[in-house]
Amino acid sequence: MFWVLFLVVACAAAVTACARLCLAATATAATDFAAPAEATATERGLSLPEAAFLTGGPARVADLTLLSMHHHRMLLLAHTGWATVVDPAGRDDLECSVIRAIGSGGQARTAAVRTATAAAGAVRGVADRLVAAGLAVPDATRTSLATAVRTVRGATLLVLALGAVSLLMPDQEQSVRMHIVAWFALPLVLSLGCLLVARIEVGANTRWASPTGLWLLGTLAPRPVGDHDGADVEFLTAVALHGAHAVADPDLRAALTSTDSGHETSV
C-alpha cells in the first residue's frame, strides 16, 4: 500500500497546480485594461513597430528593425549570420539600438544583435506606450499565466512518474495494479483537462495584444513611416504581422533566423 502515499502526493500536486492556474486566469480576466473607445483607437493608429510588438513581442520588433535597415541599405544582413553596418546614422531610437548592439567594429553576429535589440530600452518604450494605451497585455499578467501553465505541466509529469513507479513496485498483484491505474487516472485527467482548457481559453490572454489591440490589428493597417514607399510598406507590414516567415528571399530569411554559432549558417 506504499503507492497510496505516491497517490496523495500526485493528487496534491495536481490540485495545487490547477488551482494556481485558475487563480491566475481569474486575475487576468479581472485585469482592467485601459481600453480606449474604438473611435479613439482608430484615430490613434499603429506604427509598424507597434504592430510588430502586438503580434510577436520584442523579438518581432527587432526583426522588423533589422529588415527595415537592410531594406534601406543601412545594414547588410548576410546569410552567413553576420550583420554589417553600412550607414551608422540611425533614423530613430530602434535603429540606433541596432547600431549600438553591433558595436564600434561595425560587424556582429545577427542573432546576438537581435537579442540585444529586443532587450533594448527603445523596444521597452514601445511596450510601455502600448500597455499605457490599453493595447498590450502587461508583462506581469502574461508572466503569471505562463508560470501557472508550466506548473500544471510539471504536475502532469509528476503524476505520470509517480504512477509509473507505483506500477513497477515488486510483488504487486494484478488487481492492485488495476486499482493503481484507476486512482492515478483521476489527478492525470484533472491536470490534462486543465491544460486543455488553458490552451483553448487562457492562451488567448497570454498573447502580446490586449482585446483592444487585437481588434485594432484586425481593422487598421499600420501607417507608413518616414520615407517608406508603397512597396516598402507592404513588405515591412507583412514582416510586422507575420515575422520572418513573410520574407520570400531565402538568403535574407536565413540571415534573419541564423543562430549565434561559431560556424556559418547555410541555406
C-alpha atoms as a PDB file:
ATOM      1  CA  MET A   1       0.000   0.000   0.000  1.00  0.00           C
ATOM      2  CA  PHE A   2       3.013   2.280  -0.202  1.00  0.00           C
ATOM      3  CA  TRP A   3       1.670   3.505  -3.548  1.00  0.00           C
ATOM      4  CA  VAL A   4      -1.100   5.329  -1.685  1.00  0.00           C
ATOM      5  CA  LEU A   5       1.463   7.850  -0.435  1.00  0.00           C
ATOM      6  CA  PHE A   6       2.522   8.473  -4.018  1.00  0.00           C
ATOM      7  CA  LEU A   7      -1.133   8.916  -4.943  1.00  0.00           C
ATOM      8  CA  VAL A   8      -1.609  11.520  -2.221  1.00  0.00           C
ATOM      9  CA  VAL A   9       1.413  13.448  -3.457  1.00  0.00           C
ATOM     10  CA  ALA A  10       0.203  13.252  -7.071  1.00  0.00           C
ATOM     11  CA  CYS A  11      -3.284  14.458  -6.162  1.00  0.00           C
ATOM     12  CA  ALA A  12      -1.939  17.306  -4.053  1.00  0.00           C
ATOM     13  CA  ALA A  13       0.379  18.426  -6.850  1.00  0.00           C
ATOM     14  CA  ALA A  14      -2.351  18.297  -9.495  1.00  0.00           C
ATOM     15  CA  VAL A  15      -4.940  20.118  -7.380  1.00  0.00           C
ATOM     16  CA  THR A  16      -2.491  22.814  -6.267  1.00  0.00           C
ATOM     17  CA  ALA A  17      -1.210  23.450  -9.798  1.00  0.00           C
ATOM     18  CA  CYS A  18      -4.693  23.586 -11.306  1.00  0.00           C
ATOM     19  CA  ALA A  19      -5.903  25.914  -8.554  1.00  0.00           C
ATOM     20  CA  ARG A  20      -2.942  28.206  -9.198  1.00  0.00           C
ATOM     21  CA  LEU A  21      -3.760  28.310 -12.895  1.00  0.00           C
ATOM     22  CA  CYS A  22      -7.410  29.062 -12.199  1.00  0.00           C
ATOM     23  CA  LEU A  23      -6.464  31.912  -9.869  1.00  0.00           C
ATOM     24  CA  ALA A  24      -4.053  33.348 -12.447  1.00  0.00           C
ATOM     25  CA  ALA A  25      -6.691  33.120 -15.182  1.00  0.00           C
ATOM     26  CA  THR A  26      -9.270  34.772 -12.947  1.00  0.00           C
ATOM     27  CA  ALA A  27      -6.878  37.593 -12.102  1.00  0.00           C
ATOM     28  CA  THR A  28      -6.168  38.090 -15.805  1.00  0.00           C
ATOM     29  CA  ALA A  29      -9.860  38.224 -16.658  1.00  0.00           C
ATOM     30  CA  ALA A  30     -10.345  40.818 -13.925  1.00  0.00           C
ATOM     31  CA  THR A  31      -7.492  42.986 -15.190  1.00  0.00           C
ATOM     32  CA  ASP A  32      -8.807  46.417 -16.077  1.00  0.00           C
ATOM     33  CA  PHE A  33      -7.160  47.160 -19.402  1.00  0.00           C
ATOM     34  CA  ALA A  34      -7.348  50.883 -20.077  1.00  0.00           C
ATOM     35  CA  ALA A  35      -9.090  50.150 -23.365  1.00  0.00           C
ATOM     36  CA  PRO A  36      -9.817  53.239 -25.446  1.00  0.00           C
ATOM     37  CA  ALA A  37     -13.016  53.550 -27.412  1.00  0.00           C
ATOM     38  CA  GLU A  38     -12.936  52.133 -30.952  1.00  0.00           C
ATOM     39  CA  ALA A  39     -13.044  55.601 -32.483  1.00  0.00           C
ATOM     40  CA  THR A  40     -10.135  56.724 -30.337  1.00  0.00           C
ATOM     41  CA  ALA A  41      -8.128  53.617 -31.195  1.00  0.00           C
ATOM     42  CA  THR A  42      -8.764  54.097 -34.891  1.00  0.00           C
ATOM     43  CA  GLU A  43      -7.686  57.731 -34.694  1.00  0.00           C
ATOM     44  CA  ARG A  44      -4.524  56.760 -32.831  1.00  0.00           C
ATOM     45  CA  GLY A  45      -3.415  54.192 -35.399  1.00  0.00           C
ATOM     46  CA  LEU A  46      -0.430  51.875 -35.183  1.00  0.00           C
ATOM     47  CA  SER A  47       3.138  52.328 -36.264  1.00  0.00           C
ATOM     48  CA  LEU A  48       4.927  49.361 -37.799  1.00  0.00           C
ATOM     49  CA  PRO A  49       6.991  48.666 -34.635  1.00  0.00           C
ATOM     50  CA  GLU A  50       3.814  48.794 -32.540  1.00  0.00           C
ATOM     51  CA  ALA A  51       2.081  46.334 -34.851  1.00  0.00           C
ATOM     52  CA  ALA A  52       5.151  44.091 -34.680  1.00  0.00           C
ATOM     53  CA  PHE A  53       5.111  44.129 -30.867  1.00  0.00           C
ATOM     54  CA  LEU A  54       1.413  43.298 -30.668  1.00  0.00           C
ATOM     55  CA  THR A  55       1.849  40.288 -32.938  1.00  0.00           C
ATOM     56  CA  GLY A  56       5.232  38.944 -31.834  1.00  0.00           C
ATOM     57  CA  GLY A  57       6.632  40.892 -28.910  1.00  0.00           C
ATOM     58  CA  PRO A  58      10.154  42.360 -28.612  1.00  0.00           C
ATOM     59  CA  ALA A  59      11.744  39.765 -30.901  1.00  0.00           C
ATOM     60  CA  ARG A  60       9.374  40.721 -33.728  1.00  0.00           C
ATOM     61  CA  VAL A  61      10.230  44.399 -33.278  1.00  0.00           C
ATOM     62  CA  ALA A  62      13.926  43.529 -33.546  1.00  0.00           C
ATOM     63  CA  ASP A  63      13.297  41.515 -36.724  1.00  0.00           C
ATOM     64  CA  LEU A  64      11.332  44.356 -38.261  1.00  0.00           C
ATOM     65  CA  THR A  65      14.029  46.918 -37.443  1.00  0.00           C
ATOM     66  CA  LEU A  66      16.825  44.774 -38.872  1.00  0.00           C
ATOM     67  CA  LEU A  67      14.925  44.080 -42.086  1.00  0.00           C
ATOM     68  CA  SER A  68      13.922  47.718 -42.451  1.00  0.00           C
ATOM     69  CA  MET A  69      17.549  48.818 -42.137  1.00  0.00           C
ATOM     70  CA  HIS A  70      18.651  46.128 -44.591  1.00  0.00           C
ATOM     71  CA  HIS A  71      15.904  47.177 -46.998  1.00  0.00           C
ATOM     72  CA  HIS A  72      17.143  50.777 -46.889  1.00  0.00           C
ATOM     73  CA  ARG A  73      20.801  49.766 -47.276  1.00  0.00           C
ATOM     74  CA  MET A  74      21.739  50.948 -43.799  1.00  0.00           C
ATOM     75  CA  LEU A  75      22.652  47.421 -42.769  1.00  0.00           C
ATOM     76  CA  LEU A  76      23.821  44.314 -44.584  1.00  0.00           C
ATOM     77  CA  LEU A  77      22.382  41.016 -43.356  1.00  0.00           C
ATOM     78  CA  ALA A  78      24.450  38.151 -44.738  1.00  0.00           C
ATOM     79  CA  HIS A  79      23.073  34.626 -44.969  1.00  0.00           C
ATOM     80  CA  THR A  80      26.191  33.507 -43.098  1.00  0.00           C
ATOM     81  CA  GLY A  81      24.752  35.050 -39.929  1.00  0.00           C
ATOM     82  CA  TRP A  82      26.614  38.364 -39.754  1.00  0.00           C
ATOM     83  CA  ALA A  83      25.212  41.900 -39.642  1.00  0.00           C
ATOM     84  CA  THR A  84      27.371  44.736 -41.017  1.00  0.00           C
ATOM     85  CA  VAL A  85      26.707  48.455 -40.609  1.00  0.00           C
ATOM     86  CA  VAL A  86      26.628  50.397 -43.892  1.00  0.00           C
ATOM     87  CA  ASP A  87      25.162  53.693 -42.651  1.00  0.00           C
ATOM     88  CA  PRO A  88      25.698  54.346 -38.913  1.00  0.00           C
ATOM     89  CA  ALA A  89      23.186  57.210 -38.766  1.00  0.00           C
ATOM     90  CA  GLY A  90      20.068  55.676 -37.249  1.00  0.00           C
ATOM     91  CA  ARG A  91      16.796  57.425 -38.025  1.00  0.00           C
ATOM     92  CA  ASP A  92      15.080  56.577 -34.733  1.00  0.00           C
ATOM     93  CA  ASP A  93      15.744  55.019 -31.343  1.00  0.00           C
ATOM     94  CA  LEU A  94      15.177  51.475 -32.604  1.00  0.00           C
ATOM     95  CA  GLU A  95      17.735  51.796 -35.386  1.00  0.00           C
ATOM     96  CA  CYS A  96      20.197  53.432 -33.014  1.00  0.00           C
ATOM     97  CA  SER A  97      19.725  50.441 -30.693  1.00  0.00           C
ATOM     98  CA  VAL A  98      20.709  48.106 -33.527  1.00  0.00           C
ATOM     99  CA  ILE A  99      23.819  50.137 -34.305  1.00  0.00           C
ATOM    100  CA  ARG A 100      24.820  50.171 -30.634  1.00  0.00           C
ATOM    101  CA  ALA A 101      24.236  46.424 -30.414  1.00  0.00           C
ATOM    102  CA  ILE A 102      26.589  45.834 -33.352  1.00  0.00           C
ATOM    103  CA  GLY A 103      29.282  47.899 -31.694  1.00  0.00           C
ATOM    104  CA  SER A 104      32.158  50.052 -32.857  1.00  0.00           C
ATOM    105  CA  GLY A 105      33.573  47.257 -35.012  1.00  0.00           C
ATOM    106  CA  GLY A 106      30.674  47.640 -37.395  1.00  0.00           C
ATOM    107  CA  GLN A 107      30.001  43.904 -37.580  1.00  0.00           C
ATOM    108  CA  ALA A 108      28.452  41.331 -35.253  1.00  0.00           C
ATOM    109  CA  ARG A 109      26.534  38.073 -35.241  1.00  0.00           C
ATOM    110  CA  THR A 110      22.940  38.689 -36.309  1.00  0.00           C
ATOM    111  CA  ALA A 111      21.497  36.510 -33.551  1.00  0.00           C
ATOM    112  CA  ALA A 112      23.359  38.495 -30.893  1.00  0.00           C
ATOM    113  CA  VAL A 113      22.191  41.774 -32.414  1.00  0.00           C
ATOM    114  CA  ARG A 114      18.570  40.561 -32.457  1.00  0.00           C
ATOM    115  CA  THR A 115      18.762  39.555 -28.800  1.00  0.00           C
ATOM    116  CA  ALA A 116      20.355  42.835 -27.709  1.00  0.00           C
ATOM    117  CA  THR A 117      17.896  44.924 -29.726  1.00  0.00           C
ATOM    118  CA  ALA A 118      14.883  43.070 -28.324  1.00  0.00           C
ATOM    119  CA  ALA A 119      16.101  43.846 -24.781  1.00  0.00           C
ATOM    120  CA  ALA A 120      16.952  47.489 -25.518  1.00  0.00           C
ATOM    121  CA  GLY A 121      15.231  50.447 -23.935  1.00  0.00           C
ATOM    122  CA  ALA A 122      13.732  51.546 -27.263  1.00  0.00           C
ATOM    123  CA  VAL A 123      11.722  48.324 -27.518  1.00  0.00           C
ATOM    124  CA  ARG A 124      10.673  48.606 -23.875  1.00  0.00           C
ATOM    125  CA  GLY A 125       9.470  52.100 -24.699  1.00  0.00           C
ATOM    126  CA  VAL A 126       7.233  50.707 -27.449  1.00  0.00           C
ATOM    127  CA  ALA A 127       5.852  48.149 -24.987  1.00  0.00           C
ATOM    128  CA  ASP A 128       5.218  50.760 -22.291  1.00  0.00           C
ATOM    129  CA  ARG A 129       3.331  53.004 -24.691  1.00  0.00           C
ATOM    130  CA  LEU A 130       1.128  50.141 -25.851  1.00  0.00           C
ATOM    131  CA  VAL A 131       0.395  48.977 -22.306  1.00  0.00           C
ATOM    132  CA  ALA A 132      -0.445  52.547 -21.258  1.00  0.00           C
ATOM    133  CA  ALA A 133      -2.831  52.810 -24.218  1.00  0.00           C
ATOM    134  CA  GLY A 134      -4.550  49.551 -23.279  1.00  0.00           C
ATOM    135  CA  LEU A 135      -3.378  47.820 -26.448  1.00  0.00           C
ATOM    136  CA  ALA A 136      -0.842  45.359 -24.958  1.00  0.00           C
ATOM    137  CA  VAL A 137      -1.017  42.861 -22.100  1.00  0.00           C
ATOM    138  CA  PRO A 138       1.134  43.878 -19.102  1.00  0.00           C
ATOM    139  CA  ASP A 139       4.237  41.759 -18.681  1.00  0.00           C
ATOM    140  CA  ALA A 140       3.325  40.715 -15.134  1.00  0.00           C
ATOM    141  CA  THR A 141      -0.024  39.334 -16.286  1.00  0.00           C
ATOM    142  CA  ARG A 142       1.491  37.358 -19.140  1.00  0.00           C
ATOM    143  CA  THR A 143       4.297  36.016 -16.935  1.00  0.00           C
ATOM    144  CA  SER A 144       1.905  34.925 -14.186  1.00  0.00           C
ATOM    145  CA  LEU A 145      -0.205  32.893 -16.603  1.00  0.00           C
ATOM    146  CA  ALA A 146       2.792  31.343 -18.328  1.00  0.00           C
ATOM    147  CA  THR A 147       4.255  30.292 -14.974  1.00  0.00           C
ATOM    148  CA  ALA A 148       0.951  28.750 -13.894  1.00  0.00           C
ATOM    149  CA  VAL A 149       0.715  26.749 -17.120  1.00  0.00           C
ATOM    150  CA  ARG A 150       4.264  25.461 -16.652  1.00  0.00           C
ATOM    151  CA  THR A 151       3.351  24.430 -13.106  1.00  0.00           C
ATOM    152  CA  VAL A 152       0.421  22.342 -14.362  1.00  0.00           C
ATOM    153  CA  ARG A 153       2.673  20.704 -16.949  1.00  0.00           C
ATOM    154  CA  GLY A 154       5.148  19.850 -14.224  1.00  0.00           C
ATOM    155  CA  ALA A 155       2.372  18.392 -12.077  1.00  0.00           C
ATOM    156  CA  THR A 156       1.237  16.255 -15.014  1.00  0.00           C
ATOM    157  CA  LEU A 157       4.728  14.826 -15.433  1.00  0.00           C
ATOM    158  CA  LEU A 158       4.933  14.202 -11.680  1.00  0.00           C
ATOM    159  CA  VAL A 159       1.638  12.277 -11.727  1.00  0.00           C
ATOM    160  CA  LEU A 160       2.873  10.134 -14.610  1.00  0.00           C
ATOM    161  CA  ALA A 161       6.198   9.477 -12.895  1.00  0.00           C
ATOM    162  CA  LEU A 162       4.651   8.528  -9.555  1.00  0.00           C
ATOM    163  CA  GLY A 163       2.090   6.344 -11.277  1.00  0.00           C
ATOM    164  CA  ALA A 164       4.811   4.538 -13.199  1.00  0.00           C
ATOM    165  CA  VAL A 165       6.848   3.969 -10.035  1.00  0.00           C
ATOM    166  CA  SER A 166       3.778   2.623  -8.262  1.00  0.00           C
ATOM    167  CA  LEU A 167       3.067   0.173 -11.081  1.00  0.00           C
ATOM    168  CA  LEU A 168       6.676  -1.035 -11.174  1.00  0.00           C
ATOM    169  CA  MET A 169       6.841  -1.853  -7.484  1.00  0.00           C
ATOM    170  CA  PRO A 170       7.639  -5.535  -6.910  1.00  0.00           C
ATOM    171  CA  ASP A 171       5.125  -8.095  -5.656  1.00  0.00           C
ATOM    172  CA  GLN A 172       2.119  -6.199  -6.975  1.00  0.00           C
ATOM    173  CA  GLU A 173      -0.963  -8.294  -7.719  1.00  0.00           C
ATOM    174  CA  GLN A 174      -2.896  -7.690 -10.922  1.00  0.00           C
ATOM    175  CA  SER A 175      -5.921  -6.397  -9.034  1.00  0.00           C
ATOM    176  CA  VAL A 176      -3.723  -3.902  -7.174  1.00  0.00           C
ATOM    177  CA  ARG A 177      -2.241  -2.674 -10.448  1.00  0.00           C
ATOM    178  CA  MET A 178      -5.728  -2.060 -11.793  1.00  0.00           C
ATOM    179  CA  HIS A 179      -6.537  -0.007  -8.705  1.00  0.00           C
ATOM    180  CA  ILE A 180      -3.323   1.992  -9.162  1.00  0.00           C
ATOM    181  CA  VAL A 181      -4.197   2.798 -12.767  1.00  0.00           C
ATOM    182  CA  ALA A 182      -7.740   3.801 -11.828  1.00  0.00           C
ATOM    183  CA  TRP A 183      -6.713   6.037  -8.934  1.00  0.00           C
ATOM    184  CA  PHE A 184      -3.818   7.760 -10.695  1.00  0.00           C
ATOM    185  CA  ALA A 185      -6.094   8.423 -13.653  1.00  0.00           C
ATOM    186  CA  LEU A 186      -8.007  10.934 -11.514  1.00  0.00           C
ATOM    187  CA  PRO A 187      -5.194  13.513 -10.970  1.00  0.00           C
ATOM    188  CA  LEU A 188      -3.952  12.836 -14.502  1.00  0.00           C
ATOM    189  CA  VAL A 189      -7.344  13.649 -16.039  1.00  0.00           C
ATOM    190  CA  LEU A 190      -7.572  16.743 -13.851  1.00  0.00           C
ATOM    191  CA  SER A 191      -4.199  18.120 -14.916  1.00  0.00           C
ATOM    192  CA  LEU A 192      -4.611  17.207 -18.589  1.00  0.00           C
ATOM    193  CA  GLY A 193      -8.089  18.717 -18.650  1.00  0.00           C
ATOM    194  CA  CYS A 194      -6.755  21.892 -17.071  1.00  0.00           C
ATOM    195  CA  LEU A 195      -4.030  22.096 -19.704  1.00  0.00           C
ATOM    196  CA  LEU A 196      -6.600  21.625 -22.466  1.00  0.00           C
ATOM    197  CA  VAL A 197      -8.773  24.421 -21.108  1.00  0.00           C
ATOM    198  CA  ALA A 198      -5.688  26.619 -20.722  1.00  0.00           C
ATOM    199  CA  ARG A 199      -4.744  26.013 -24.352  1.00  0.00           C
ATOM    200  CA  ILE A 200      -8.217  26.976 -25.537  1.00  0.00           C
ATOM    201  CA  GLU A 201      -9.137  29.772 -23.159  1.00  0.00           C
ATOM    202  CA  VAL A 202      -6.060  31.086 -21.362  1.00  0.00           C
ATOM    203  CA  GLY A 203      -3.824  31.027 -24.430  1.00  0.00           C
ATOM    204  CA  ALA A 204      -5.679  33.951 -25.949  1.00  0.00           C
ATOM    205  CA  ASN A 205      -4.936  36.047 -22.872  1.00  0.00           C
ATOM    206  CA  THR A 206      -1.196  35.424 -22.922  1.00  0.00           C
ATOM    207  CA  ARG A 207      -0.663  36.985 -26.328  1.00  0.00           C
ATOM    208  CA  TRP A 208       1.068  40.312 -26.525  1.00  0.00           C
ATOM    209  CA  ALA A 209      -2.019  42.224 -27.651  1.00  0.00           C
ATOM    210  CA  SER A 210      -4.952  43.009 -25.404  1.00  0.00           C
ATOM    211  CA  PRO A 211      -8.501  42.544 -26.782  1.00  0.00           C
ATOM    212  CA  THR A 212      -8.455  46.154 -27.971  1.00  0.00           C
ATOM    213  CA  GLY A 213      -5.033  45.666 -29.533  1.00  0.00           C
ATOM    214  CA  LEU A 214      -6.255  42.569 -31.371  1.00  0.00           C
ATOM    215  CA  TRP A 215      -9.249  44.487 -32.627  1.00  0.00           C
ATOM    216  CA  LEU A 216      -7.050  47.316 -33.860  1.00  0.00           C
ATOM    217  CA  LEU A 217      -4.713  44.899 -35.640  1.00  0.00           C
ATOM    218  CA  GLY A 218      -7.658  43.312 -37.395  1.00  0.00           C
ATOM    219  CA  THR A 219      -9.275  46.516 -38.589  1.00  0.00           C
ATOM    220  CA  LEU A 220      -6.487  49.006 -39.136  1.00  0.00           C
ATOM    221  CA  ALA A 221      -3.442  48.740 -41.406  1.00  0.00           C
ATOM    222  CA  PRO A 222      -0.156  50.082 -39.976  1.00  0.00           C
ATOM    223  CA  ARG A 223       0.737  53.555 -41.136  1.00  0.00           C
ATOM    224  CA  PRO A 224       3.689  54.319 -43.433  1.00  0.00           C
ATOM    225  CA  VAL A 225       6.692  55.745 -41.581  1.00  0.00           C
ATOM    226  CA  GLY A 226       9.230  58.237 -42.830  1.00  0.00           C
ATOM    227  CA  ASP A 227      10.291  57.826 -46.453  1.00  0.00           C
ATOM    228  CA  HIS A 228       8.872  54.317 -46.982  1.00  0.00           C
ATOM    229  CA  ASP A 229       7.285  53.921 -50.399  1.00  0.00           C
ATOM    230  CA  GLY A 230       4.338  51.631 -51.140  1.00  0.00           C
ATOM    231  CA  ALA A 231       6.471  48.537 -51.736  1.00  0.00           C
ATOM    232  CA  ASP A 232       8.383  49.146 -48.504  1.00  0.00           C
ATOM    233  CA  VAL A 233       5.170  49.461 -46.519  1.00  0.00           C
ATOM    234  CA  GLU A 234       3.749  46.246 -47.996  1.00  0.00           C
ATOM    235  CA  PHE A 235       6.943  44.296 -47.281  1.00  0.00           C
ATOM    236  CA  LEU A 236       7.524  45.667 -43.784  1.00  0.00           C
ATOM    237  CA  THR A 237       3.854  45.339 -42.825  1.00  0.00           C
ATOM    238  CA  ALA A 238       3.983  41.655 -43.761  1.00  0.00           C
ATOM    239  CA  VAL A 239       7.085  41.250 -41.583  1.00  0.00           C
ATOM    240  CA  ALA A 240       5.448  43.106 -38.688  1.00  0.00           C
ATOM    241  CA  LEU A 241       2.356  40.911 -38.818  1.00  0.00           C
ATOM    242  CA  HIS A 242       3.893  37.544 -39.721  1.00  0.00           C
ATOM    243  CA  GLY A 243       7.597  37.721 -38.853  1.00  0.00           C
ATOM    244  CA  ALA A 244      10.477  36.192 -40.782  1.00  0.00           C
ATOM    245  CA  HIS A 245       8.121  33.727 -42.482  1.00  0.00           C
ATOM    246  CA  ALA A 246       6.888  36.637 -44.604  1.00  0.00           C
ATOM    247  CA  VAL A 247      10.358  37.118 -46.153  1.00  0.00           C
ATOM    248  CA  ALA A 248      10.353  35.498 -49.598  1.00  0.00           C
ATOM    249  CA  ASP A 249      14.112  35.726 -50.202  1.00  0.00           C
ATOM    250  CA  PRO A 250      15.621  32.510 -48.734  1.00  0.00           C
ATOM    251  CA  ASP A 251      19.031  34.128 -48.199  1.00  0.00           C
ATOM    252  CA  LEU A 252      17.538  37.059 -46.311  1.00  0.00           C
ATOM    253  CA  ARG A 253      15.321  34.747 -44.282  1.00  0.00           C
ATOM    254  CA  ALA A 254      18.366  32.641 -43.402  1.00  0.00           C
ATOM    255  CA  ALA A 255      20.238  35.796 -42.411  1.00  0.00           C
ATOM    256  CA  LEU A 256      17.485  36.773 -40.005  1.00  0.00           C
ATOM    257  CA  THR A 257      16.965  33.338 -38.484  1.00  0.00           C
ATOM    258  CA  SER A 258      20.623  32.350 -38.241  1.00  0.00           C
ATOM    259  CA  THR A 259      21.828  31.013 -34.903  1.00  0.00           C
ATOM    260  CA  ASP A 260      24.602  32.629 -32.888  1.00  0.00           C
ATOM    261  CA  SER A 261      27.155  29.898 -33.503  1.00  0.00           C
ATOM    262  CA  GLY A 262      30.764  29.884 -34.479  1.00  0.00           C
ATOM    263  CA  HIS A 263      30.168  28.440 -37.936  1.00  0.00           C
ATOM    264  CA  GLU A 264      28.436  29.840 -40.944  1.00  0.00           C
ATOM    265  CA  THR A 265      24.775  29.114 -41.499  1.00  0.00           C
ATOM    266  CA  SER A 266      23.896  27.597 -44.835  1.00  0.00           C
ATOM    267  CA  VAL A 267      20.601  27.945 -46.635  1.00  0.00           C
END
